[in-house]
Amino acid sequence: MIVRIGKPWWIVGLVVGLIALAVALARAGLEDADRWSSVISMFVGTTGLALAVYSAVKARGGSSGSTNQVHNTVTDALVKGTALLGRDVRRIGSGRPASTEAAALPEQGPSEVRNEVRGGTFHAPLIMARDIEDVSLPPPTSSAEGNDSGTAK
């Protein structure tokens, strides 16, 4: 995602703040400036540690597995609609076949996905995946009969 900033006013604010801090510490004297610097350093270090932990947890994606395997199984089922089986899928539209629009999402860390369907008839889309983004499938057909080209055995 690209974020555009109109004018970098935050840089000016940061510079002015640092200059004000330097002037305040210079007027406080050496001992008081040392104490204030220690307190400020503690807050900066704590903030840095919190950001590092947050980044590590977010990059991990919350998964606890150690593999990148996908197990999607459809057995003895009649699928008369769209069948979408995958792990990480994005931008599936109804205008073109799913196979030409499917694209892998950015890696979210190791995980194992297990989806299973045994038996049944599906007149609407069948979707089996872990992470799905921007999926727009056609509505189910009004005919319950349809053709048998979507049969999965």
C-alpha atoms as a PDB file:
ATOM      1  CA  MET A   1       0.000   0.000   0.000  1.00  0.00           C
ATOM      2  CA  ILE A   2       1.345   3.416  -0.928  1.00  0.00           C
ATOM      3  CA  VAL A   3       0.707   6.316   1.411  1.00  0.00           C
ATOM      4  CA  ARG A   4       1.277   9.780   0.035  1.00  0.00           C
ATOM      5  CA  ILE A   5       1.970  12.691   2.313  1.00  0.00           C
ATOM      6  CA  GLY A   6       1.137  16.146   0.959  1.00  0.00           C
ATOM      7  CA  LYS A   7       3.801  18.164   2.762  1.00  0.00           C
ATOM      8  CA  PRO A   8       6.383  16.775   5.178  1.00  0.00           C
ATOM      9  CA  TRP A   9       5.404  19.066   8.092  1.00  0.00           C
ATOM     10  CA  TRP A  10       6.220  16.322  10.547  1.00  0.00           C
ATOM     11  CA  ILE A  11       9.917  16.706   9.666  1.00  0.00           C
ATOM     12  CA  VAL A  12       9.787  20.410  10.552  1.00  0.00           C
ATOM     13  CA  GLY A  13       8.032  19.565  13.839  1.00  0.00           C
ATOM     14  CA  LEU A  14      10.645  16.935  14.663  1.00  0.00           C
ATOM     15  CA  VAL A  15      13.540  19.336  14.013  1.00  0.00           C
ATOM     16  CA  VAL A  16      11.920  22.119  16.069  1.00  0.00           C
ATOM     17  CA  GLY A  17      11.235  19.663  18.901  1.00  0.00           C
ATOM     18  CA  LEU A  18      14.835  18.410  18.937  1.00  0.00           C
ATOM     19  CA  ILE A  19      16.173  21.978  18.979  1.00  0.00           C
ATOM     20  CA  ALA A  20      13.830  22.862  21.865  1.00  0.00           C
ATOM     21  CA  LEU A  21      14.940  19.748  23.762  1.00  0.00           C
ATOM     22  CA  ALA A  22      18.616  20.604  23.221  1.00  0.00           C
ATOM     23  CA  VAL A  23      18.079  24.179  24.488  1.00  0.00           C
ATOM     24  CA  ALA A  24      16.147  22.921  27.544  1.00  0.00           C
ATOM     25  CA  LEU A  25      18.860  20.387  28.414  1.00  0.00           C
ATOM     26  CA  ALA A  26      21.611  22.986  27.940  1.00  0.00           C
ATOM     27  CA  ARG A  27      19.874  25.380  30.372  1.00  0.00           C
ATOM     28  CA  ALA A  28      19.215  22.629  32.947  1.00  0.00           C
ATOM     29  CA  GLY A  29      22.862  22.066  33.755  1.00  0.00           C
ATOM     30  CA  LEU A  30      24.999  18.983  33.353  1.00  0.00           C
ATOM     31  CA  GLU A  31      23.569  16.840  36.190  1.00  0.00           C
ATOM     32  CA  ASP A  32      19.913  17.583  35.465  1.00  0.00           C
ATOM     33  CA  ALA A  33      20.482  17.123  31.723  1.00  0.00           C
ATOM     34  CA  ASP A  34      22.036  13.725  32.446  1.00  0.00           C
ATOM     35  CA  ARG A  35      18.996  12.675  34.496  1.00  0.00           C
ATOM     36  CA  TRP A  36      16.540  13.897  31.863  1.00  0.00           C
ATOM     37  CA  SER A  37      18.526  12.160  29.131  1.00  0.00           C
ATOM     38  CA  SER A  38      18.332   8.890  31.044  1.00  0.00           C
ATOM     39  CA  VAL A  39      14.553   9.176  31.406  1.00  0.00           C
ATOM     40  CA  ILE A  40      14.099  10.094  27.737  1.00  0.00           C
ATOM     41  CA  SER A  41      16.364   7.194  26.682  1.00  0.00           C
ATOM     42  CA  MET A  42      14.275   4.771  28.746  1.00  0.00           C
ATOM     43  CA  PHE A  43      11.088   5.872  26.945  1.00  0.00           C
ATOM     44  CA  VAL A  44      12.744   5.697  23.525  1.00  0.00           C
ATOM     45  CA  GLY A  45      14.114   2.209  24.275  1.00  0.00           C
ATOM     46  CA  THR A  46      10.760   0.953  25.573  1.00  0.00           C
ATOM     47  CA  THR A  47       8.979   2.323  22.519  1.00  0.00           C
ATOM     48  CA  GLY A  48      11.543   0.678  20.212  1.00  0.00           C
ATOM     49  CA  LEU A  49      11.119  -2.668  21.983  1.00  0.00           C
ATOM     50  CA  ALA A  50       7.314  -2.456  21.721  1.00  0.00           C
ATOM     51  CA  LEU A  51       7.526  -1.669  17.988  1.00  0.00           C
ATOM     52  CA  ALA A  52       9.947  -4.558  17.417  1.00  0.00           C
ATOM     53  CA  VAL A  53       7.644  -7.032  19.191  1.00  0.00           C
ATOM     54  CA  TYR A  54       4.608  -5.712  17.283  1.00  0.00           C
ATOM     55  CA  SER A  55       6.463  -6.024  13.949  1.00  0.00           C
ATOM     56  CA  ALA A  56       7.579  -9.572  14.729  1.00  0.00           C
ATOM     57  CA  VAL A  57       4.054 -10.666  15.670  1.00  0.00           C
ATOM     58  CA  LYS A  58       2.519  -8.994  12.613  1.00  0.00           C
ATOM     59  CA  ALA A  59       5.140 -10.479  10.245  1.00  0.00           C
ATOM     60  CA  ARG A  60       4.549 -13.928  11.674  1.00  0.00           C
ATOM     61  CA  GLY A  61       0.903 -13.719  10.693  1.00  0.00           C
ATOM     62  CA  GLY A  62      -0.302 -15.437  13.825  1.00  0.00           C
ATOM     63  CA  SER A  63       0.249 -18.921  12.398  1.00  0.00           C
ATOM     64  CA  SER A  64       1.773 -21.603  14.569  1.00  0.00           C
ATOM     65  CA  GLY A  65       2.476 -24.294  11.970  1.00  0.00           C
ATOM     66  CA  SER A  66       5.826 -25.069  10.448  1.00  0.00           C
ATOM     67  CA  THR A  67       4.846 -25.970   6.880  1.00  0.00           C
ATOM     68  CA  ASN A  68       3.412 -24.257   3.823  1.00  0.00           C
ATOM     69  CA  GLN A  69       1.193 -27.090   2.675  1.00  0.00           C
ATOM     70  CA  VAL A  70      -2.332 -26.926   1.296  1.00  0.00           C
ATOM     71  CA  HIS A  71      -4.698 -29.875   1.494  1.00  0.00           C
ATOM     72  CA  ASN A  72      -7.998 -29.149  -0.268  1.00  0.00           C
ATOM     73  CA  THR A  73     -10.093 -32.258  -0.810  1.00  0.00           C
ATOM     74  CA  VAL A  74     -13.474 -32.592  -2.523  1.00  0.00           C
ATOM     75  CA  THR A  75     -14.683 -36.189  -2.543  1.00  0.00           C
ATOM     76  CA  ASP A  76     -17.914 -37.589  -4.024  1.00  0.00           C
ATOM     77  CA  ALA A  77     -19.469 -34.143  -4.418  1.00  0.00           C
ATOM     78  CA  LEU A  78     -21.345 -32.507  -7.259  1.00  0.00           C
ATOM     79  CA  VAL A  79     -20.276 -28.873  -7.685  1.00  0.00           C
ATOM     80  CA  LYS A  80     -22.527 -27.060 -10.168  1.00  0.00           C
ATOM     81  CA  GLY A  81     -21.128 -23.616  -9.396  1.00  0.00           C
ATOM     82  CA  THR A  82     -17.638 -22.179  -9.247  1.00  0.00           C
ATOM     83  CA  ALA A  83     -15.101 -24.194  -7.244  1.00  0.00           C
ATOM     84  CA  LEU A  84     -12.175 -22.203  -5.849  1.00  0.00           C
ATOM     85  CA  LEU A  85      -9.538 -24.170  -3.954  1.00  0.00           C
ATOM     86  CA  GLY A  86      -6.279 -22.583  -2.835  1.00  0.00           C
ATOM     87  CA  ARG A  87      -4.231 -21.196   0.019  1.00  0.00           C
ATOM     88  CA  ASP A  88      -3.789 -17.442  -0.479  1.00  0.00           C
ATOM     89  CA  VAL A  89      -5.958 -16.006  -3.248  1.00  0.00           C
ATOM     90  CA  ARG A  90      -6.628 -12.434  -4.340  1.00  0.00           C
ATOM     91  CA  ARG A  91      -8.571 -10.644  -7.039  1.00  0.00           C
ATOM     92  CA  ILE A  92     -10.932 -13.228  -8.408  1.00  0.00           C
ATOM     93  CA  GLY A  93     -13.649 -11.678 -10.567  1.00  0.00           C
ATOM     94  CA  SER A  94     -16.600 -13.078 -12.443  1.00  0.00           C
ATOM     95  CA  GLY A  95     -15.529 -11.528 -15.762  1.00  0.00           C
ATOM     96  CA  ARG A  96     -12.730 -13.989 -16.564  1.00  0.00           C
ATOM     97  CA  PRO A  97     -11.933 -17.537 -15.486  1.00  0.00           C
ATOM     98  CA  ALA A  98     -10.508 -17.755 -11.992  1.00  0.00           C
ATOM     99  CA  SER A  99      -7.346 -19.474 -13.206  1.00  0.00           C
ATOM    100  CA  THR A 100      -6.213 -16.359 -15.113  1.00  0.00           C
ATOM    101  CA  GLU A 101      -6.941 -13.921 -12.297  1.00  0.00           C
ATOM    102  CA  ALA A 102      -5.662 -15.818  -9.277  1.00  0.00           C
ATOM    103  CA  ALA A 103      -2.500 -14.377  -7.802  1.00  0.00           C
ATOM    104  CA  ALA A 104      -0.608 -15.343  -4.683  1.00  0.00           C
ATOM    105  CA  LEU A 105      -0.841 -13.055  -1.664  1.00  0.00           C
ATOM    106  CA  PRO A 106       2.338 -11.946   0.077  1.00  0.00           C
ATOM    107  CA  GLU A 107       3.779 -14.701   2.242  1.00  0.00           C
ATOM    108  CA  GLN A 108       2.158 -14.682   5.686  1.00  0.00           C
ATOM    109  CA  GLY A 109       4.516 -17.142   7.332  1.00  0.00           C
ATOM    110  CA  PRO A 110       4.476 -20.914   7.610  1.00  0.00           C
ATOM    111  CA  SER A 111       1.098 -22.576   7.990  1.00  0.00           C
ATOM    112  CA  GLU A 112      -0.812 -25.649   6.966  1.00  0.00           C
ATOM    113  CA  VAL A 113      -4.289 -25.448   5.439  1.00  0.00           C
ATOM    114  CA  ARG A 114      -6.699 -28.394   5.477  1.00  0.00           C
ATOM    115  CA  ASN A 115     -10.101 -28.077   3.794  1.00  0.00           C
ATOM    116  CA  GLU A 116     -12.266 -31.111   3.130  1.00  0.00           C
ATOM    117  CA  VAL A 117     -15.698 -31.724   1.583  1.00  0.00           C
ATOM    118  CA  ARG A 118     -17.135 -35.232   1.457  1.00  0.00           C
ATOM    119  CA  GLY A 119     -20.295 -35.750  -0.507  1.00  0.00           C
ATOM    120  CA  GLY A 120     -23.121 -33.369  -1.266  1.00  0.00           C
ATOM    121  CA  THR A 121     -24.333 -31.193  -4.100  1.00  0.00           C
ATOM    122  CA  PHE A 122     -23.317 -27.533  -4.328  1.00  0.00           C
ATOM    123  CA  HIS A 123     -25.393 -25.148  -6.460  1.00  0.00           C
ATOM    124  CA  ALA A 124     -23.424 -22.099  -5.338  1.00  0.00           C
ATOM    125  CA  PRO A 125     -19.702 -21.289  -5.290  1.00  0.00           C
ATOM    126  CA  LEU A 126     -17.496 -23.615  -3.255  1.00  0.00           C
ATOM    127  CA  ILE A 127     -14.544 -21.730  -1.787  1.00  0.00           C
ATOM    128  CA  MET A 128     -11.778 -23.440   0.175  1.00  0.00           C
ATOM    129  CA  ALA A 129      -8.724 -21.338   1.100  1.00  0.00           C
ATOM    130  CA  ARG A 130      -6.865 -19.704   3.979  1.00  0.00           C
ATOM    131  CA  ASP A 131      -6.566 -16.013   3.051  1.00  0.00           C
ATOM    132  CA  ILE A 132      -8.934 -14.589   0.456  1.00  0.00           C
ATOM    133  CA  GLU A 133      -8.979 -10.995  -0.766  1.00  0.00           C
ATOM    134  CA  ASP A 134     -11.199  -9.257  -3.366  1.00  0.00           C
ATOM    135  CA  VAL A 135     -13.225 -12.279  -4.482  1.00  0.00           C
ATOM    136  CA  SER A 136     -16.286 -11.575  -6.632  1.00  0.00           C
ATOM    137  CA  LEU A 137     -17.947 -14.730  -7.924  1.00  0.00           C
ATOM    138  CA  PRO A 138     -21.079 -14.943 -10.094  1.00  0.00           C
ATOM    139  CA  PRO A 139     -24.404 -15.595  -8.354  1.00  0.00           C
ATOM    140  CA  PRO A 140     -25.693 -19.166  -8.387  1.00  0.00           C
ATOM    141  CA  THR A 141     -27.732 -20.148 -11.416  1.00  0.00           C
ATOM    142  CA  SER A 142     -31.481 -20.425 -11.005  1.00  0.00           C
ATOM    143  CA  SER A 143     -31.469 -23.918 -12.519  1.00  0.00           C
ATOM    144  CA  ALA A 144     -30.862 -26.625  -9.943  1.00  0.00           C
ATOM    145  CA  GLU A 145     -30.110 -29.151 -12.660  1.00  0.00           C
ATOM    146  CA  GLY A 146     -27.310 -27.471 -14.660  1.00  0.00           C
ATOM    147  CA  ASN A 147     -24.700 -29.606 -16.348  1.00  0.00           C
ATOM    148  CA  ASP A 148     -22.443 -32.159 -14.714  1.00  0.00           C
ATOM    149  CA  SER A 149     -19.177 -30.577 -15.868  1.00  0.00           C
ATOM    150  CA  GLY A 150     -18.406 -29.471 -12.313  1.00  0.00           C
ATOM    151  CA  THR A 151     -18.537 -32.935 -10.783  1.00  0.00           C
ATOM    152  CA  ALA A 152     -15.651 -33.718  -8.463  1.00  0.00           C
ATOM    153  CA  LYS A 153     -15.000 -37.389  -7.716  1.00  0.00           C
END
